[in-house]
Amino acid sequence: MRDYDEVTAFLGEWGPFQRLIFFLLSASIIPNGFNGMSVVFLTPTPEHRCRVPDTANLSSAWRNHSIPLRLQDGREVPHSCRRYRLAAIANFSALGLEPGRDLDLEQLEQESCLDGWEFSQDIYLSTIVTEWNLVCEDDWKAPLTVSLFFVGVLVGSFISGQLSDRFGRKNVLFVTMGMQTGFSFLQIFSKNFEMFAVLFVLVGMGQISNYVAAFVLGMAIKLEDWRMLLLALTVPGVLCAALWWFIPESPRWLISQGRFEEAEVIIRRAAKINGIVAPSTIFDSSELQDLSSKKQQSHSILDLLQTRNIRMVTVMSIILWMTISVGYFGLSLDTPNLHGDVYVNCFLSAVVEVPAYVLAWLLLQHLPRRYSMATALFLGGSVLLFVQLVPPDLYYLATVLVMVGKFGVTAAFSMVYVYTAELYPTVVRNMGVGVSSTASRLGSILSPYFVYLGAYDRFLPYILMGSLTILTAILTLFLPESFGTPLPDTIDQMLRVKGIKYRQTPSHTRMLKDGEESSKVLKSTAL
């Protein structure tokens, strides 16, 4: 009996066919980045103040003093949500009284923005905030929009695996791509906030991958109207539809469905592209034993709580993933709030991820996991805490520190996938990584509200994200070190959390003895 890997071993591991499919699949997920982080440009809140109607009978002096002042970052600015009661100041204007000279403005009665708001158009012509007045009492709706998108991603991640197993990898890939593109296009015609938010949940459901490294490398286009921006972002998804004729279905899935002839056609095509002569008979239905058909011991999510050690690993992994996700998405979403050109800042925020990924790859190859993770998190967290100490006139330095923080958090984010997979044993590895990934999505749902706190104190998001990141870096030091040790197969063989004494089992002792000779296998598996 041969399994799928043995049957297709003649193709090689990284030939022209595999590289072509890798490139096409990479191209197909580019719209994920655009749709996932488009909120950076869709939901900003421009500077605004209460509208004073042109029909109001006010002198120029009273019109210029119709908005009360408030302190913001140490300076007085017009209030965003209050104005002096219009009927009162109109009466004072008619009596010929002068503001500040005849009347103390601080003693005047105030009212809310009954006639709407005036929004600055220095950066954006329109956003969904200016479209539907999501400010003051309704300012919570803008971060809710982002959270709802990630709720959709969370729901999509639960159902996409089951749909892929039933209907095929290729079909689900292009259906979800169509969901992203189609519902994103429909958002252009949103009549109100509620319609926009519901459609954004559906866009998120289509985006089953939350790894958004492709974000905004092409976003430096200066589309300042939110509807035109959404229209531009749907174009890549439409173009990706052409990939249907180039990306094949998974032969492994076809075999699991008993469709051997279709699988053989794909394998022979791969052999031809790779310049390899395929054997006359590739699949023998009477002999082939697919990996998914092997009887294995049944395991459930409760096994992640079976022993004290795996419980500790699971809880620590959840905290680690959630904190990293809050930092990564929080810093990404907060980029428009930095000083300077918003498009340049967003471009830099994306570019800084490239060296972070390269560094993470090198660290995974040559250095211990937990020290690499802790160092990246310490770097990201500490520089975020320093942002509040930067003088206001050195705002470029603050931007640099935020980018360094994004660099550290991104490096940790890319390493945590490998590290978590190495900590869990084979029998529950998928469940362990899945639970951790779910925690990451919960962190992404919370991240907009960390940014939202900046409306009350500009440095509060950095203080919170920096503090949590540093605490998580310390927690990481208590996780087991998996570098250079074989992957565990059973729960008993798992590496132990630091600082807790355990009774060593024979299987764990045997595993440690085999560590040196299996280290090469581990590295190739992880990387």
Protein backbone atom coordinates (compact mmCIF):
# COMPACT_ATOMS: atom_id res chain seq x y z
CA MET A 1 0.00 0.00 0.00
CA ARG A 2 1.42 3.37 -1.05
CA ASP A 3 0.27 6.78 0.08
CA TYR A 4 -0.04 9.89 -2.10
CA ASP A 5 3.44 11.20 -1.31
CA GLU A 6 5.06 7.94 -2.33
CA VAL A 7 3.10 7.75 -5.57
CA THR A 8 4.04 11.30 -6.64
CA ALA A 9 7.64 11.28 -5.35
CA PHE A 10 8.96 11.10 -8.95
CA LEU A 11 7.86 14.73 -9.50
CA GLY A 12 10.49 16.11 -7.14
CA GLU A 13 9.90 18.70 -4.42
CA TRP A 14 10.42 22.12 -6.06
CA GLY A 15 10.31 21.87 -9.82
CA PRO A 16 9.00 24.40 -12.39
CA PHE A 17 5.41 23.18 -11.92
CA GLN A 18 5.50 23.68 -8.15
CA ARG A 19 7.07 27.11 -8.54
CA LEU A 20 4.42 28.12 -11.09
CA ILE A 21 1.55 27.06 -8.82
CA PHE A 22 3.19 28.84 -5.86
CA PHE A 23 3.40 32.05 -7.90
CA LEU A 24 -0.21 31.79 -9.10
CA LEU A 25 -1.54 31.10 -5.61
CA SER A 26 0.47 34.01 -4.26
CA ALA A 27 -1.04 36.26 -6.93
CA SER A 28 -4.53 35.04 -6.08
CA ILE A 29 -4.32 36.25 -2.46
CA ILE A 30 -3.11 39.78 -3.24
CA PRO A 31 -6.71 41.10 -3.04
CA ASN A 32 -6.79 39.78 0.55
CA GLY A 33 -4.35 42.47 1.56
CA PHE A 34 -6.20 45.25 -0.22
CA ASN A 35 -9.62 44.31 1.15
CA GLY A 36 -8.34 43.44 4.60
CA MET A 37 -6.65 46.75 5.28
CA SER A 38 -8.67 49.07 3.06
CA VAL A 39 -10.28 50.37 6.25
CA VAL A 40 -7.11 52.38 6.82
CA PHE A 41 -8.39 54.68 4.07
CA LEU A 42 -12.13 54.05 4.36
CA THR A 43 -12.69 54.93 8.02
CA PRO A 44 -10.38 57.84 8.96
CA THR A 45 -11.97 60.73 10.83
CA PRO A 46 -10.85 64.09 9.37
CA GLU A 47 -10.77 67.19 11.53
CA HIS A 48 -14.30 68.47 11.98
CA ARG A 49 -16.41 71.05 13.77
CA CYS A 50 -20.07 71.90 14.16
CA ARG A 51 -21.66 73.45 11.09
CA VAL A 52 -23.04 76.95 11.54
CA PRO A 53 -25.66 77.54 8.81
CA ASP A 54 -25.09 80.41 6.41
CA THR A 55 -28.64 81.51 7.19
CA ALA A 56 -27.76 82.15 10.84
CA ASN A 57 -27.95 85.90 11.52
CA LEU A 58 -24.47 86.33 13.02
CA SER A 59 -21.85 89.01 12.74
CA SER A 60 -18.44 87.93 11.45
CA ALA A 61 -17.05 88.18 14.99
CA TRP A 62 -19.70 85.87 16.44
CA ARG A 63 -19.41 83.48 13.52
CA ASN A 64 -15.67 83.19 14.14
CA HIS A 65 -16.32 82.54 17.86
CA SER A 66 -19.33 80.24 17.52
CA ILE A 67 -17.30 77.12 18.37
CA PRO A 68 -15.88 76.72 21.89
CA LEU A 69 -12.22 75.80 22.31
CA ARG A 70 -10.79 72.76 24.07
CA LEU A 71 -7.32 71.54 24.97
CA GLN A 72 -5.84 68.85 22.74
CA ASP A 73 -2.22 67.75 23.01
CA GLY A 74 -1.41 70.91 24.97
CA ARG A 75 -2.98 73.38 22.52
CA GLU A 76 -6.38 74.96 22.11
CA VAL A 77 -8.42 73.72 19.15
CA PRO A 78 -12.08 74.15 18.13
CA HIS A 79 -14.40 71.65 19.77
CA SER A 80 -15.46 68.82 17.46
CA CYS A 81 -18.86 68.11 18.97
CA ARG A 82 -20.13 71.29 20.61
CA ARG A 83 -21.05 74.83 19.63
CA TYR A 84 -22.45 77.79 21.52
CA ARG A 85 -26.24 77.80 21.51
CA LEU A 86 -27.05 79.37 18.17
CA ALA A 87 -30.21 81.19 19.28
CA ALA A 88 -28.34 82.85 22.17
CA ILE A 89 -25.36 84.10 20.19
CA ALA A 90 -27.66 85.29 17.39
CA ASN A 91 -29.45 87.41 19.99
CA PHE A 92 -26.13 88.76 21.31
CA SER A 93 -25.06 89.56 17.76
CA ALA A 94 -28.30 91.46 17.14
CA LEU A 95 -27.70 93.50 20.31
CA GLY A 96 -24.26 94.48 19.05
CA LEU A 97 -22.37 92.71 21.85
CA GLU A 98 -18.83 91.55 21.07
CA PRO A 99 -17.55 88.07 22.05
CA GLY A 100 -14.81 88.12 24.67
CA ARG A 101 -15.22 91.85 25.31
CA ASP A 102 -18.81 92.19 26.39
CA LEU A 103 -19.41 88.53 27.25
CA ASP A 104 -17.30 85.80 28.83
CA LEU A 105 -17.44 82.96 26.29
CA GLU A 106 -16.79 80.30 28.94
CA GLN A 107 -20.08 81.21 30.61
CA LEU A 108 -22.19 80.79 27.46
CA GLU A 109 -24.57 77.87 27.06
CA GLN A 110 -23.51 75.16 24.59
CA GLU A 111 -25.37 72.67 22.41
CA SER A 112 -24.62 69.68 20.20
CA CYS A 113 -24.07 69.92 16.44
CA LEU A 114 -27.74 70.18 15.48
CA ASP A 115 -26.94 71.18 11.88
CA GLY A 116 -24.30 68.55 11.22
CA TRP A 117 -20.55 68.98 10.81
CA GLU A 118 -17.97 70.56 8.55
CA PHE A 119 -15.13 68.17 7.68
CA SER A 120 -11.65 69.09 6.55
CA GLN A 121 -10.84 67.93 3.01
CA ASP A 122 -7.10 68.52 3.25
CA ILE A 123 -6.40 64.76 3.02
CA TYR A 124 -9.66 62.97 2.18
CA LEU A 125 -12.50 64.19 0.00
CA SER A 126 -14.76 61.72 1.76
CA THR A 127 -14.70 58.66 4.00
CA ILE A 128 -17.53 56.62 5.45
CA VAL A 129 -17.16 58.81 8.56
CA THR A 130 -17.92 62.00 6.60
CA GLU A 131 -20.55 60.22 4.50
CA TRP A 132 -22.70 59.18 7.46
CA ASN A 133 -21.44 61.54 10.20
CA LEU A 134 -19.82 58.81 12.33
CA VAL A 135 -18.48 61.28 14.88
CA CYS A 136 -19.25 62.44 18.43
CA GLU A 137 -22.06 60.22 19.79
CA ASP A 138 -21.61 57.83 16.81
CA ASP A 139 -17.80 57.73 16.74
CA TRP A 140 -17.84 54.14 18.04
CA LYS A 141 -19.23 52.95 14.70
CA ALA A 142 -15.99 53.48 12.74
CA PRO A 143 -13.90 51.00 14.81
CA LEU A 144 -16.93 48.68 14.91
CA THR A 145 -16.74 48.51 11.11
CA VAL A 146 -13.19 47.16 11.31
CA SER A 147 -14.10 44.71 14.08
CA LEU A 148 -17.04 43.39 12.05
CA PHE A 149 -14.74 42.70 9.12
CA PHE A 150 -12.53 40.56 11.36
CA VAL A 151 -15.64 38.85 12.76
CA GLY A 152 -16.33 37.83 9.18
CA VAL A 153 -12.77 36.54 8.85
CA LEU A 154 -13.25 34.51 12.05
CA VAL A 155 -16.50 32.97 10.79
CA GLY A 156 -14.98 32.28 7.37
CA SER A 157 -12.00 30.52 8.93
CA PHE A 158 -14.35 28.09 10.71
CA ILE A 159 -16.34 27.10 7.64
CA SER A 160 -13.71 27.31 4.89
CA GLY A 161 -11.92 24.10 5.89
CA GLN A 162 -15.11 22.05 5.88
CA LEU A 163 -16.19 23.55 2.54
CA SER A 164 -12.77 22.79 1.04
CA ASP A 165 -13.00 19.16 2.10
CA ARG A 166 -16.45 18.82 0.59
CA PHE A 167 -16.32 20.89 -2.59
CA GLY A 168 -12.62 21.03 -3.42
CA ARG A 169 -9.77 23.43 -2.73
CA LYS A 170 -9.91 25.20 -6.08
CA ASN A 171 -13.67 25.77 -5.99
CA VAL A 172 -13.58 27.27 -2.50
CA LEU A 173 -10.54 29.40 -3.36
CA PHE A 174 -12.33 31.09 -6.24
CA VAL A 175 -15.71 31.31 -4.48
CA THR A 176 -14.13 33.15 -1.56
CA MET A 177 -12.23 35.34 -4.00
CA GLY A 178 -15.53 36.12 -5.68
CA MET A 179 -17.12 36.92 -2.31
CA GLN A 180 -14.38 39.43 -1.53
CA THR A 181 -14.59 41.08 -4.93
CA GLY A 182 -18.36 41.00 -5.33
CA PHE A 183 -19.38 42.22 -1.90
CA SER A 184 -16.59 44.80 -1.88
CA PHE A 185 -18.00 46.13 -5.16
CA LEU A 186 -21.51 46.23 -3.68
CA GLN A 187 -20.19 48.35 -0.80
CA ILE A 188 -19.75 51.18 -3.29
CA PHE A 189 -23.55 51.45 -3.48
CA SER A 190 -24.12 51.41 0.29
CA LYS A 191 -26.97 53.71 1.28
CA ASN A 192 -26.17 53.77 5.00
CA PHE A 193 -23.70 52.60 7.59
CA GLU A 194 -25.67 49.44 8.41
CA MET A 195 -25.59 48.24 4.79
CA PHE A 196 -21.87 48.96 4.53
CA ALA A 197 -21.13 47.08 7.78
CA VAL A 198 -23.12 43.96 6.82
CA LEU A 199 -21.39 43.79 3.44
CA PHE A 200 -18.02 44.18 5.17
CA VAL A 201 -18.77 41.11 7.32
CA LEU A 202 -19.38 39.15 4.10
CA VAL A 203 -16.15 40.49 2.59
CA GLY A 204 -14.35 39.27 5.70
CA MET A 205 -15.95 35.84 5.41
CA GLY A 206 -14.51 35.60 1.91
CA GLN A 207 -11.07 36.42 3.21
CA ILE A 208 -10.11 33.13 4.84
CA SER A 209 -6.46 34.12 5.06
CA ASN A 210 -5.66 36.93 7.54
CA TYR A 211 -2.01 37.18 6.64
CA VAL A 212 -1.98 40.60 4.96
CA ALA A 213 1.64 41.07 3.96
CA ALA A 214 0.53 42.34 0.54
CA PHE A 215 -1.06 45.40 2.16
CA VAL A 216 -0.72 48.71 0.40
CA LEU A 217 2.54 48.23 -1.48
CA GLY A 218 0.36 49.43 -4.34
CA MET A 219 -1.87 51.63 -2.15
CA ALA A 220 0.20 54.80 -2.59
CA ILE A 221 -2.38 55.79 -5.24
CA LYS A 222 -4.00 58.88 -3.84
CA LEU A 223 -7.71 58.07 -4.19
CA GLU A 224 -9.33 60.42 -1.69
CA ASP A 225 -12.96 59.46 -2.22
CA TRP A 226 -13.90 56.22 -0.46
CA ARG A 227 -16.18 54.94 -3.23
CA MET A 228 -13.51 55.39 -5.92
CA LEU A 229 -11.00 53.69 -3.63
CA LEU A 230 -13.26 50.65 -3.21
CA LEU A 231 -13.79 50.50 -6.97
CA ALA A 232 -10.02 50.48 -7.53
CA LEU A 233 -9.55 47.73 -4.93
CA THR A 234 -12.05 45.41 -6.60
CA VAL A 235 -10.17 45.41 -9.91
CA PRO A 236 -7.38 43.00 -8.78
CA GLY A 237 -10.03 40.50 -7.68
CA VAL A 238 -11.69 40.62 -11.08
CA LEU A 239 -8.36 40.13 -12.84
CA CYS A 240 -7.55 37.16 -10.58
CA ALA A 241 -10.59 35.35 -11.96
CA ALA A 242 -8.46 34.50 -15.00
CA LEU A 243 -6.32 32.30 -12.74
CA TRP A 244 -9.12 29.71 -12.74
CA TRP A 245 -7.76 28.29 -16.01
CA PHE A 246 -4.20 28.02 -14.65
CA ILE A 247 -4.56 26.80 -11.05
CA PRO A 248 -5.40 23.07 -10.92
CA GLU A 249 -7.47 21.28 -8.33
CA SER A 250 -5.60 19.44 -5.57
CA PRO A 251 -4.81 15.91 -6.82
CA ARG A 252 -4.85 14.70 -3.21
CA TRP A 253 -8.43 15.95 -2.81
CA LEU A 254 -9.47 14.43 -6.15
CA ILE A 255 -8.13 11.05 -5.01
CA SER A 256 -10.05 11.36 -1.72
CA GLN A 257 -13.19 11.78 -3.87
CA GLY A 258 -12.33 8.77 -6.04
CA ARG A 259 -11.61 10.94 -9.12
CA PHE A 260 -8.37 9.18 -10.08
CA GLU A 261 -8.42 10.01 -13.80
CA GLU A 262 -8.61 13.78 -13.17
CA ALA A 263 -5.81 13.54 -10.61
CA GLU A 264 -3.64 11.61 -13.04
CA VAL A 265 -4.11 14.25 -15.76
CA ILE A 266 -2.82 16.93 -13.38
CA ILE A 267 0.14 14.84 -12.23
CA ARG A 268 1.14 14.05 -15.82
CA ARG A 269 0.94 17.74 -16.69
CA ALA A 270 3.18 18.52 -13.72
CA ALA A 271 5.67 15.89 -14.83
CA LYS A 272 5.74 17.36 -18.34
CA ILE A 273 6.39 20.88 -17.05
CA ASN A 274 9.12 19.56 -14.75
CA GLY A 275 10.75 17.69 -17.66
CA ILE A 276 10.19 14.31 -16.02
CA VAL A 277 8.95 11.15 -17.70
CA ALA A 278 5.98 9.90 -15.72
CA PRO A 279 5.53 6.15 -15.17
CA SER A 280 3.00 4.41 -17.38
CA THR A 281 0.74 3.77 -14.40
CA ILE A 282 0.60 6.42 -11.69
CA PHE A 283 -2.54 5.69 -9.70
CA ASP A 284 -3.84 2.21 -9.02
CA SER A 285 -7.18 2.52 -7.27
CA SER A 286 -6.82 -0.97 -5.79
CA GLU A 287 -3.47 -0.07 -4.23
CA LEU A 288 -3.60 3.65 -3.41
CA GLN A 289 -4.06 4.48 0.22
CA ASP A 290 -4.77 8.14 0.78
CA LEU A 291 -3.41 9.64 3.95
CA SER A 292 -6.83 10.88 4.97
CA SER A 293 -8.23 7.34 4.94
CA LYS A 294 -5.80 6.01 7.54
CA LYS A 295 -7.44 5.14 10.82
CA GLN A 296 -6.01 7.21 13.60
CA GLN A 297 -6.84 7.65 17.23
CA SER A 298 -9.63 10.18 17.62
CA HIS A 299 -8.72 13.43 19.36
CA SER A 300 -10.83 16.42 20.34
CA ILE A 301 -10.18 20.00 21.34
CA LEU A 302 -10.48 18.91 24.97
CA ASP A 303 -7.13 17.15 24.57
CA LEU A 304 -5.54 20.60 24.61
CA LEU A 305 -6.44 20.62 28.32
CA GLN A 306 -5.58 16.99 29.06
CA THR A 307 -2.38 17.51 31.08
CA ARG A 308 -1.02 20.37 33.13
CA ASN A 309 1.76 20.96 30.60
CA ILE A 310 -0.43 21.15 27.51
CA ARG A 311 -2.87 23.39 29.38
CA MET A 312 -0.05 25.80 30.16
CA VAL A 313 1.18 25.74 26.56
CA THR A 314 -2.34 26.36 25.25
CA VAL A 315 -3.06 29.29 27.59
CA MET A 316 0.34 30.86 26.89
CA SER A 317 -0.09 30.39 23.14
CA ILE A 318 -3.51 32.05 23.21
CA ILE A 319 -2.11 35.06 25.09
CA LEU A 320 0.89 35.22 22.74
CA TRP A 321 -1.16 35.12 19.54
CA MET A 322 -3.80 37.54 20.77
CA THR A 323 -1.26 40.12 21.95
CA ILE A 324 0.80 39.93 18.75
CA SER A 325 -2.36 40.31 16.67
CA VAL A 326 -3.48 43.37 18.65
CA GLY A 327 -0.04 44.93 18.12
CA TYR A 328 0.21 44.08 14.42
CA PHE A 329 -3.26 45.20 13.38
CA GLY A 330 -3.35 48.06 15.88
CA LEU A 331 -0.17 49.58 14.46
CA SER A 332 -1.38 49.01 10.89
CA LEU A 333 -4.73 50.68 11.54
CA ASP A 334 -3.15 53.56 13.46
CA THR A 335 -0.78 54.51 10.63
CA PRO A 336 -3.01 57.33 9.22
CA ASN A 337 -2.85 59.03 12.63
CA LEU A 338 0.91 59.56 12.39
CA HIS A 339 2.33 62.93 11.41
CA GLY A 340 3.22 63.43 7.77
CA ASP A 341 1.70 62.24 4.52
CA VAL A 342 -0.76 59.43 5.26
CA TYR A 343 -0.02 57.59 2.01
CA VAL A 344 3.74 57.66 2.54
CA ASN A 345 3.32 56.46 6.12
CA CYS A 346 1.10 53.55 5.05
CA PHE A 347 3.56 52.64 2.32
CA LEU A 348 6.42 52.63 4.85
CA SER A 349 4.33 50.56 7.25
CA ALA A 350 4.03 47.88 4.55
CA VAL A 351 7.63 48.08 3.35
CA VAL A 352 9.03 47.61 6.86
CA GLU A 353 7.48 44.14 6.92
CA VAL A 354 9.81 42.86 4.20
CA PRO A 355 13.04 43.01 6.29
CA ALA A 356 11.03 41.73 9.27
CA TYR A 357 10.16 38.56 7.35
CA VAL A 358 13.75 38.13 6.18
CA LEU A 359 15.04 38.51 9.75
CA ALA A 360 12.45 36.05 11.05
CA TRP A 361 13.52 33.48 8.45
CA LEU A 362 17.17 33.83 9.45
CA LEU A 363 16.37 33.61 13.16
CA LEU A 364 14.30 30.46 12.65
CA GLN A 365 17.19 28.85 10.84
CA HIS A 366 19.98 29.61 13.27
CA LEU A 367 18.79 30.70 16.74
CA PRO A 368 16.55 29.38 19.54
CA ARG A 369 12.85 30.09 19.10
CA ARG A 370 11.90 31.61 22.43
CA TYR A 371 14.88 33.97 22.58
CA SER A 372 14.19 35.09 19.02
CA MET A 373 10.51 35.65 19.79
CA ALA A 374 11.21 37.43 23.06
CA THR A 375 13.81 39.70 21.46
CA ALA A 376 11.47 40.71 18.65
CA LEU A 377 8.66 41.40 21.11
CA PHE A 378 10.92 43.35 23.49
CA LEU A 379 12.10 45.46 20.57
CA GLY A 380 8.57 46.15 19.36
CA GLY A 381 7.17 46.88 22.81
CA SER A 382 9.97 49.04 24.18
CA VAL A 383 10.12 51.46 21.24
CA LEU A 384 6.34 51.94 21.45
CA LEU A 385 6.71 53.02 25.06
CA PHE A 386 9.36 55.56 24.03
CA VAL A 387 6.96 57.27 21.56
CA GLN A 388 5.35 59.32 24.35
CA LEU A 389 8.77 60.78 25.28
CA VAL A 390 9.44 62.25 21.83
CA PRO A 391 9.13 66.08 21.74
CA PRO A 392 6.28 67.34 19.53
CA ASP A 393 8.68 69.04 17.09
CA LEU A 394 10.48 65.71 16.46
CA TYR A 395 7.43 63.96 15.04
CA TYR A 396 9.55 62.22 12.40
CA LEU A 397 11.37 60.43 15.23
CA ALA A 398 8.00 59.26 16.59
CA THR A 399 7.15 57.84 13.16
CA VAL A 400 10.49 56.01 13.04
CA LEU A 401 9.87 54.48 16.47
CA VAL A 402 6.41 53.30 15.41
CA MET A 403 7.89 51.69 12.28
CA VAL A 404 10.55 49.94 14.38
CA GLY A 405 7.75 48.72 16.64
CA LYS A 406 5.87 47.39 13.61
CA PHE A 407 9.10 45.70 12.49
CA GLY A 408 9.48 43.84 15.79
CA VAL A 409 5.85 42.79 16.05
CA THR A 410 5.78 41.62 12.42
CA ALA A 411 8.91 39.51 12.93
CA ALA A 412 7.30 37.91 15.99
CA PHE A 413 4.04 37.35 14.08
CA SER A 414 5.82 35.47 11.31
CA MET A 415 7.79 33.30 13.77
CA VAL A 416 4.88 32.38 16.01
CA TYR A 417 3.35 30.12 13.34
CA VAL A 418 6.40 27.85 13.25
CA TYR A 419 7.00 28.01 16.98
CA THR A 420 3.44 27.04 17.90
CA ALA A 421 3.41 24.14 15.44
CA GLU A 422 6.62 22.79 16.98
CA LEU A 423 5.26 22.95 20.54
CA TYR A 424 2.17 20.80 19.91
CA PRO A 425 2.37 17.05 19.22
CA THR A 426 1.30 15.56 15.92
CA VAL A 427 -1.99 14.19 17.27
CA VAL A 428 -3.34 17.65 18.19
CA ARG A 429 -1.06 19.98 16.20
CA ASN A 430 -3.77 21.22 13.83
CA MET A 431 -6.16 21.85 16.72
CA GLY A 432 -3.48 23.65 18.74
CA VAL A 433 -2.53 25.96 15.90
CA GLY A 434 -6.21 26.43 15.07
CA VAL A 435 -7.11 27.53 18.61
CA SER A 436 -4.13 29.89 18.64
CA SER A 437 -5.14 31.31 15.26
CA THR A 438 -8.65 31.89 16.59
CA ALA A 439 -7.13 33.87 19.47
CA SER A 440 -5.27 35.91 16.86
CA ARG A 441 -8.53 36.75 15.12
CA LEU A 442 -10.07 37.78 18.42
CA GLY A 443 -7.09 40.08 18.88
CA SER A 444 -7.69 41.60 15.46
CA ILE A 445 -11.34 42.23 16.42
CA LEU A 446 -10.18 44.13 19.53
CA SER A 447 -7.39 46.08 17.80
CA PRO A 448 -9.58 48.90 16.35
CA TYR A 449 -10.62 49.88 19.85
CA PHE A 450 -6.99 50.23 20.94
CA VAL A 451 -6.64 52.75 18.11
CA TYR A 452 -9.96 54.34 19.15
CA LEU A 453 -8.47 55.17 22.57
CA GLY A 454 -6.17 57.62 20.78
CA ALA A 455 -9.11 60.02 20.59
CA TYR A 456 -8.81 60.46 24.35
CA ASP A 457 -5.02 60.37 24.63
CA ARG A 458 -2.78 60.24 21.57
CA PHE A 459 -0.19 58.05 23.29
CA LEU A 460 -2.56 55.69 25.12
CA PRO A 461 -2.67 53.09 22.30
CA TYR A 462 1.14 52.95 22.20
CA ILE A 463 1.37 52.65 25.99
CA LEU A 464 -1.13 49.79 26.09
CA MET A 465 0.24 47.91 23.06
CA GLY A 466 3.85 48.43 24.19
CA SER A 467 3.15 47.23 27.74
CA LEU A 468 1.23 44.15 26.59
CA THR A 469 3.94 43.28 24.08
CA ILE A 470 6.70 43.47 26.70
CA LEU A 471 4.70 41.38 29.18
CA THR A 472 4.14 38.80 26.45
CA ALA A 473 7.88 38.79 25.67
CA ILE A 474 8.54 37.88 29.31
CA LEU A 475 5.88 35.16 29.14
CA THR A 476 7.54 33.74 26.01
CA LEU A 477 10.71 33.02 27.99
CA PHE A 478 8.78 30.41 30.01
CA LEU A 479 7.73 28.45 26.92
CA PRO A 480 9.73 25.32 26.00
CA GLU A 481 12.61 25.62 23.54
CA SER A 482 11.84 23.60 20.41
CA PHE A 483 14.89 24.50 18.32
CA GLY A 484 16.98 21.44 17.47
CA THR A 485 14.56 18.91 18.97
CA PRO A 486 12.29 16.47 17.12
CA LEU A 487 8.62 17.22 16.73
CA PRO A 488 6.60 15.43 19.43
CA ASP A 489 4.11 12.81 18.29
CA THR A 490 2.12 12.35 21.49
CA ILE A 491 1.03 14.60 24.34
CA ASP A 492 3.43 12.83 26.71
CA GLN A 493 6.35 13.70 24.44
CA MET A 494 5.69 17.44 24.55
CA LEU A 495 8.47 19.73 25.73
CA ARG A 496 7.91 21.14 29.20
CA VAL A 497 7.03 24.69 30.19
CA LYS A 498 9.91 26.35 32.05
CA GLY A 499 9.75 26.91 35.80
CA ILE A 500 7.46 23.94 36.56
CA LYS A 501 8.73 20.56 37.72
CA TYR A 502 7.36 17.48 36.01
CA ARG A 503 7.82 13.78 36.36
CA GLN A 504 9.62 12.71 33.20
CA THR A 505 7.99 9.85 31.28
CA PRO A 506 10.00 7.18 29.41
CA SER A 507 8.67 8.37 26.04
CA HIS A 508 9.82 11.92 26.77
CA THR A 509 13.27 10.68 27.82
CA ARG A 510 13.55 8.66 24.63
CA MET A 511 12.52 11.68 22.59
CA LEU A 512 15.23 13.88 24.08
CA LYS A 513 17.89 11.28 23.31
CA ASP A 514 16.79 11.23 19.69
CA GLY A 515 16.82 15.02 19.47
CA GLU A 516 20.24 15.52 17.97
CA GLU A 517 19.84 13.12 15.07
CA SER A 518 16.36 14.46 14.27
CA SER A 519 17.19 18.16 14.35
CA LYS A 520 17.75 18.36 10.62
CA VAL A 521 14.32 16.89 9.97
CA LEU A 522 12.78 19.46 12.29
CA LYS A 523 14.37 22.40 10.54
CA SER A 524 13.23 21.27 7.13
CA THR A 525 9.73 20.65 8.44
CA ALA A 526 9.47 24.01 10.14
CA LEU A 527 10.90 26.03 7.29
